[in-house]
Amino acid sequence: MAVIFPIVAFSGDFNVGEPPLIFVIGPLPMMLFGVGLVSFGQWIARGQVAKLREFLRVEFEATQDSGDATNQMFRSSTTGAPH
């Protein structure tokens, strides 16, 4: 549409009071393309939500027990002595 609109606008084959048909109908294909693009993206990403949740669950469970060690390292670096 970004190519078609300027070509039609500068061709001069239309009346000033009446816009070319492409200007009236043109936004519809652009909206349909946008909806189609989002739908295609959702189709490509099918099953990814479950995979991401599983990844985050595993990662947070893996680091949950090391929280005390991290706090001890932080305290020792700020005070100079391990706790």
N, C-alpha and C. Protein backbone atom coordinates (compact mmCIF):
# COMPACT_ATOMS: atom_id res chain seq x y z
N MET A 1 0.84 -1.18 0.00
CA MET A 1 0.00 0.00 0.00
C MET A 1 0.88 1.25 0.00
N ALA A 2 2.06 1.17 0.64
CA ALA A 2 2.96 2.32 0.66
C ALA A 2 3.50 2.62 -0.73
N VAL A 3 3.50 1.65 -1.61
CA VAL A 3 3.95 1.87 -2.99
C VAL A 3 2.76 2.29 -3.87
N ILE A 4 1.62 1.66 -3.66
CA ILE A 4 0.44 1.91 -4.51
C ILE A 4 -0.13 3.31 -4.28
N PHE A 5 -0.25 3.74 -3.03
CA PHE A 5 -0.85 5.05 -2.75
C PHE A 5 -0.12 6.20 -3.46
N PRO A 6 1.19 6.31 -3.34
CA PRO A 6 1.86 7.43 -4.04
C PRO A 6 1.74 7.34 -5.56
N ILE A 7 1.78 6.13 -6.11
CA ILE A 7 1.65 5.99 -7.56
C ILE A 7 0.29 6.50 -8.02
N VAL A 8 -0.76 6.10 -7.31
CA VAL A 8 -2.11 6.54 -7.67
C VAL A 8 -2.25 8.04 -7.43
N ALA A 9 -1.69 8.54 -6.34
CA ALA A 9 -1.83 9.96 -6.01
C ALA A 9 -1.14 10.85 -7.03
N PHE A 10 0.02 10.43 -7.51
CA PHE A 10 0.76 11.28 -8.45
C PHE A 10 0.45 10.99 -9.91
N SER A 11 -0.38 9.99 -10.18
CA SER A 11 -0.73 9.69 -11.57
C SER A 11 -1.69 10.73 -12.14
N GLY A 12 -2.49 11.35 -11.27
CA GLY A 12 -3.40 12.41 -11.71
C GLY A 12 -4.63 11.92 -12.43
N ASP A 13 -4.97 10.64 -12.30
CA ASP A 13 -6.13 10.08 -13.00
C ASP A 13 -7.39 10.09 -12.15
N PHE A 14 -7.58 11.11 -11.32
CA PHE A 14 -8.77 11.16 -10.49
C PHE A 14 -9.21 12.60 -10.30
N ASN A 15 -10.47 12.77 -9.93
CA ASN A 15 -11.03 14.10 -9.69
C ASN A 15 -10.69 14.56 -8.28
N VAL A 16 -10.61 15.86 -8.09
CA VAL A 16 -10.22 16.41 -6.79
C VAL A 16 -11.27 16.11 -5.73
N GLY A 17 -12.54 16.19 -6.03
CA GLY A 17 -13.59 15.98 -5.05
C GLY A 17 -13.88 14.53 -4.75
N GLU A 18 -13.34 13.64 -5.51
CA GLU A 18 -13.65 12.21 -5.38
C GLU A 18 -12.35 11.41 -5.27
N PRO A 19 -12.10 10.78 -4.09
CA PRO A 19 -10.85 10.04 -3.94
C PRO A 19 -10.87 8.74 -4.76
N PRO A 20 -9.71 8.29 -5.18
CA PRO A 20 -9.65 7.02 -5.91
C PRO A 20 -10.15 5.87 -5.03
N LEU A 21 -10.67 4.86 -5.65
CA LEU A 21 -11.22 3.72 -4.94
C LEU A 21 -10.17 3.05 -4.05
N ILE A 22 -8.94 3.03 -4.48
CA ILE A 22 -7.87 2.38 -3.70
C ILE A 22 -7.68 3.09 -2.36
N PHE A 23 -7.92 4.42 -2.31
CA PHE A 23 -7.78 5.15 -1.05
C PHE A 23 -8.89 4.80 -0.08
N VAL A 24 -10.05 4.43 -0.59
CA VAL A 24 -11.18 4.08 0.25
C VAL A 24 -11.06 2.63 0.72
N ILE A 25 -10.69 1.74 -0.18
CA ILE A 25 -10.63 0.31 0.13
C ILE A 25 -9.25 -0.09 0.66
N GLY A 26 -8.23 0.69 0.41
CA GLY A 26 -6.86 0.35 0.77
C GLY A 26 -6.61 0.00 2.23
N PRO A 27 -7.20 0.72 3.19
CA PRO A 27 -6.95 0.37 4.59
C PRO A 27 -7.47 -1.01 4.99
N LEU A 28 -8.48 -1.52 4.32
CA LEU A 28 -9.01 -2.84 4.65
C LEU A 28 -7.96 -3.95 4.46
N PRO A 29 -7.28 -4.03 3.30
CA PRO A 29 -6.24 -5.06 3.18
C PRO A 29 -5.10 -4.88 4.19
N MET A 30 -4.79 -3.62 4.53
CA MET A 30 -3.73 -3.40 5.51
C MET A 30 -4.14 -3.93 6.88
N MET A 31 -5.40 -3.71 7.27
CA MET A 31 -5.89 -4.23 8.55
C MET A 31 -5.92 -5.76 8.53
N LEU A 32 -6.38 -6.33 7.42
CA LEU A 32 -6.41 -7.79 7.31
C LEU A 32 -5.00 -8.37 7.35
N PHE A 33 -4.05 -7.70 6.72
CA PHE A 33 -2.66 -8.15 6.78
C PHE A 33 -2.14 -8.11 8.21
N GLY A 34 -2.47 -7.06 8.96
CA GLY A 34 -2.04 -6.95 10.35
C GLY A 34 -2.62 -8.06 11.21
N VAL A 35 -3.91 -8.35 11.04
CA VAL A 35 -4.55 -9.43 11.79
C VAL A 35 -3.92 -10.76 11.40
N GLY A 36 -3.70 -10.95 10.10
CA GLY A 36 -3.07 -12.18 9.63
C GLY A 36 -1.66 -12.35 10.16
N LEU A 37 -0.91 -11.26 10.25
CA LEU A 37 0.46 -11.33 10.76
C LEU A 37 0.48 -11.73 12.23
N VAL A 38 -0.43 -11.17 13.03
CA VAL A 38 -0.51 -11.54 14.44
C VAL A 38 -0.94 -13.00 14.57
N SER A 39 -1.92 -13.42 13.78
CA SER A 39 -2.38 -14.81 13.83
C SER A 39 -1.27 -15.77 13.43
N PHE A 40 -0.51 -15.41 12.42
CA PHE A 40 0.62 -16.24 11.99
C PHE A 40 1.67 -16.33 13.09
N GLY A 41 1.95 -15.22 13.75
CA GLY A 41 2.90 -15.22 14.86
C GLY A 41 2.44 -16.10 16.00
N GLN A 42 1.16 -16.07 16.31
CA GLN A 42 0.62 -16.93 17.36
C GLN A 42 0.69 -18.39 16.95
N TRP A 43 0.47 -18.68 15.68
CA TRP A 43 0.55 -20.05 15.19
C TRP A 43 2.00 -20.56 15.27
N ILE A 44 2.95 -19.71 14.92
CA ILE A 44 4.36 -20.08 14.98
C ILE A 44 4.76 -20.36 16.44
N ALA A 45 4.23 -19.59 17.39
CA ALA A 45 4.62 -19.69 18.79
C ALA A 45 3.77 -20.67 19.58
N ARG A 46 3.00 -21.51 18.92
CA ARG A 46 2.14 -22.45 19.64
C ARG A 46 3.00 -23.37 20.50
N GLY A 47 2.56 -23.56 21.73
CA GLY A 47 3.27 -24.42 22.66
C GLY A 47 4.41 -23.73 23.40
N GLN A 48 4.73 -22.52 23.05
CA GLN A 48 5.86 -21.83 23.67
C GLN A 48 5.55 -21.38 25.09
N VAL A 49 4.29 -21.09 25.39
CA VAL A 49 3.94 -20.65 26.73
C VAL A 49 4.25 -21.74 27.74
N ALA A 50 3.88 -22.96 27.42
CA ALA A 50 4.15 -24.08 28.33
C ALA A 50 5.65 -24.31 28.47
N LYS A 51 6.39 -24.19 27.38
CA LYS A 51 7.84 -24.37 27.44
C LYS A 51 8.50 -23.28 28.28
N LEU A 52 8.04 -22.04 28.12
CA LEU A 52 8.61 -20.95 28.91
C LEU A 52 8.28 -21.10 30.39
N ARG A 53 7.06 -21.50 30.70
CA ARG A 53 6.70 -21.70 32.11
C ARG A 53 7.53 -22.81 32.72
N GLU A 54 7.74 -23.89 31.99
CA GLU A 54 8.55 -25.00 32.50
C GLU A 54 10.00 -24.55 32.71
N PHE A 55 10.53 -23.79 31.76
CA PHE A 55 11.89 -23.27 31.88
C PHE A 55 12.03 -22.39 33.12
N LEU A 56 11.07 -21.47 33.31
CA LEU A 56 11.13 -20.58 34.47
C LEU A 56 10.95 -21.35 35.78
N ARG A 57 10.08 -22.35 35.78
CA ARG A 57 9.88 -23.16 36.98
C ARG A 57 11.18 -23.87 37.35
N VAL A 58 11.83 -24.47 36.37
CA VAL A 58 13.08 -25.19 36.63
C VAL A 58 14.17 -24.22 37.10
N GLU A 59 14.29 -23.07 36.44
CA GLU A 59 15.33 -22.11 36.81
C GLU A 59 15.11 -21.53 38.19
N PHE A 60 13.87 -21.20 38.52
CA PHE A 60 13.62 -20.63 39.85
C PHE A 60 13.76 -21.67 40.95
N GLU A 61 13.42 -22.90 40.67
CA GLU A 61 13.64 -23.96 41.66
C GLU A 61 15.12 -24.22 41.85
N ALA A 62 15.91 -24.08 40.80
CA ALA A 62 17.34 -24.33 40.90
C ALA A 62 18.04 -23.25 41.72
N THR A 63 17.57 -22.01 41.65
CA THR A 63 18.24 -20.93 42.37
C THR A 63 17.57 -20.62 43.70
N GLN A 64 16.46 -21.24 43.99
CA GLN A 64 15.74 -20.92 45.21
C GLN A 64 16.55 -21.33 46.45
N ASP A 65 17.19 -22.48 46.44
CA ASP A 65 17.96 -22.95 47.57
C ASP A 65 19.26 -22.18 47.76
N SER A 66 19.78 -21.59 46.71
CA SER A 66 21.05 -20.88 46.82
C SER A 66 20.87 -19.44 47.26
N GLY A 67 19.68 -19.06 47.66
CA GLY A 67 19.43 -17.69 48.09
C GLY A 67 20.24 -17.31 49.31
N ASP A 68 20.39 -18.21 50.30
CA ASP A 68 21.17 -17.91 51.50
C ASP A 68 22.65 -17.72 51.16
N ALA A 69 23.16 -18.55 50.28
CA ALA A 69 24.56 -18.43 49.89
C ALA A 69 24.81 -17.10 49.18
N THR A 70 23.88 -16.69 48.37
CA THR A 70 24.02 -15.41 47.68
C THR A 70 23.99 -14.27 48.68
N ASN A 71 23.09 -14.32 49.66
CA ASN A 71 23.05 -13.28 50.67
C ASN A 71 24.33 -13.26 51.49
N GLN A 72 24.88 -14.42 51.82
CA GLN A 72 26.12 -14.47 52.58
C GLN A 72 27.26 -13.88 51.78
N MET A 73 27.32 -14.18 50.49
CA MET A 73 28.37 -13.62 49.65
C MET A 73 28.23 -12.11 49.57
N PHE A 74 27.00 -11.61 49.47
CA PHE A 74 26.78 -10.19 49.38
C PHE A 74 27.19 -9.50 50.68
N ARG A 75 26.80 -10.10 51.81
CA ARG A 75 27.16 -9.50 53.09
C ARG A 75 28.67 -9.51 53.31
N SER A 76 29.32 -10.60 52.89
CA SER A 76 30.77 -10.66 53.11
C SER A 76 31.50 -9.66 52.23
N SER A 77 30.97 -9.39 51.05
CA SER A 77 31.63 -8.43 50.17
C SER A 77 31.42 -7.00 50.65
N THR A 78 30.34 -6.74 51.36
CA THR A 78 30.09 -5.39 51.82
C THR A 78 30.72 -5.14 53.18
N THR A 79 30.86 -6.14 54.02
CA THR A 79 31.43 -5.93 55.36
C THR A 79 32.88 -6.36 55.42
N GLY A 80 33.33 -7.18 54.47
CA GLY A 80 34.71 -7.60 54.46
C GLY A 80 34.93 -8.94 55.16
N ALA A 81 33.94 -9.44 55.89
CA ALA A 81 34.11 -10.71 56.58
C ALA A 81 32.92 -11.61 56.27
N PRO A 82 33.16 -12.91 56.06
CA PRO A 82 32.03 -13.82 55.78
C PRO A 82 31.18 -14.03 57.02
N HIS A 83 29.92 -14.27 56.85
CA HIS A 83 28.99 -14.51 57.95
C HIS A 83 28.58 -15.95 58.00
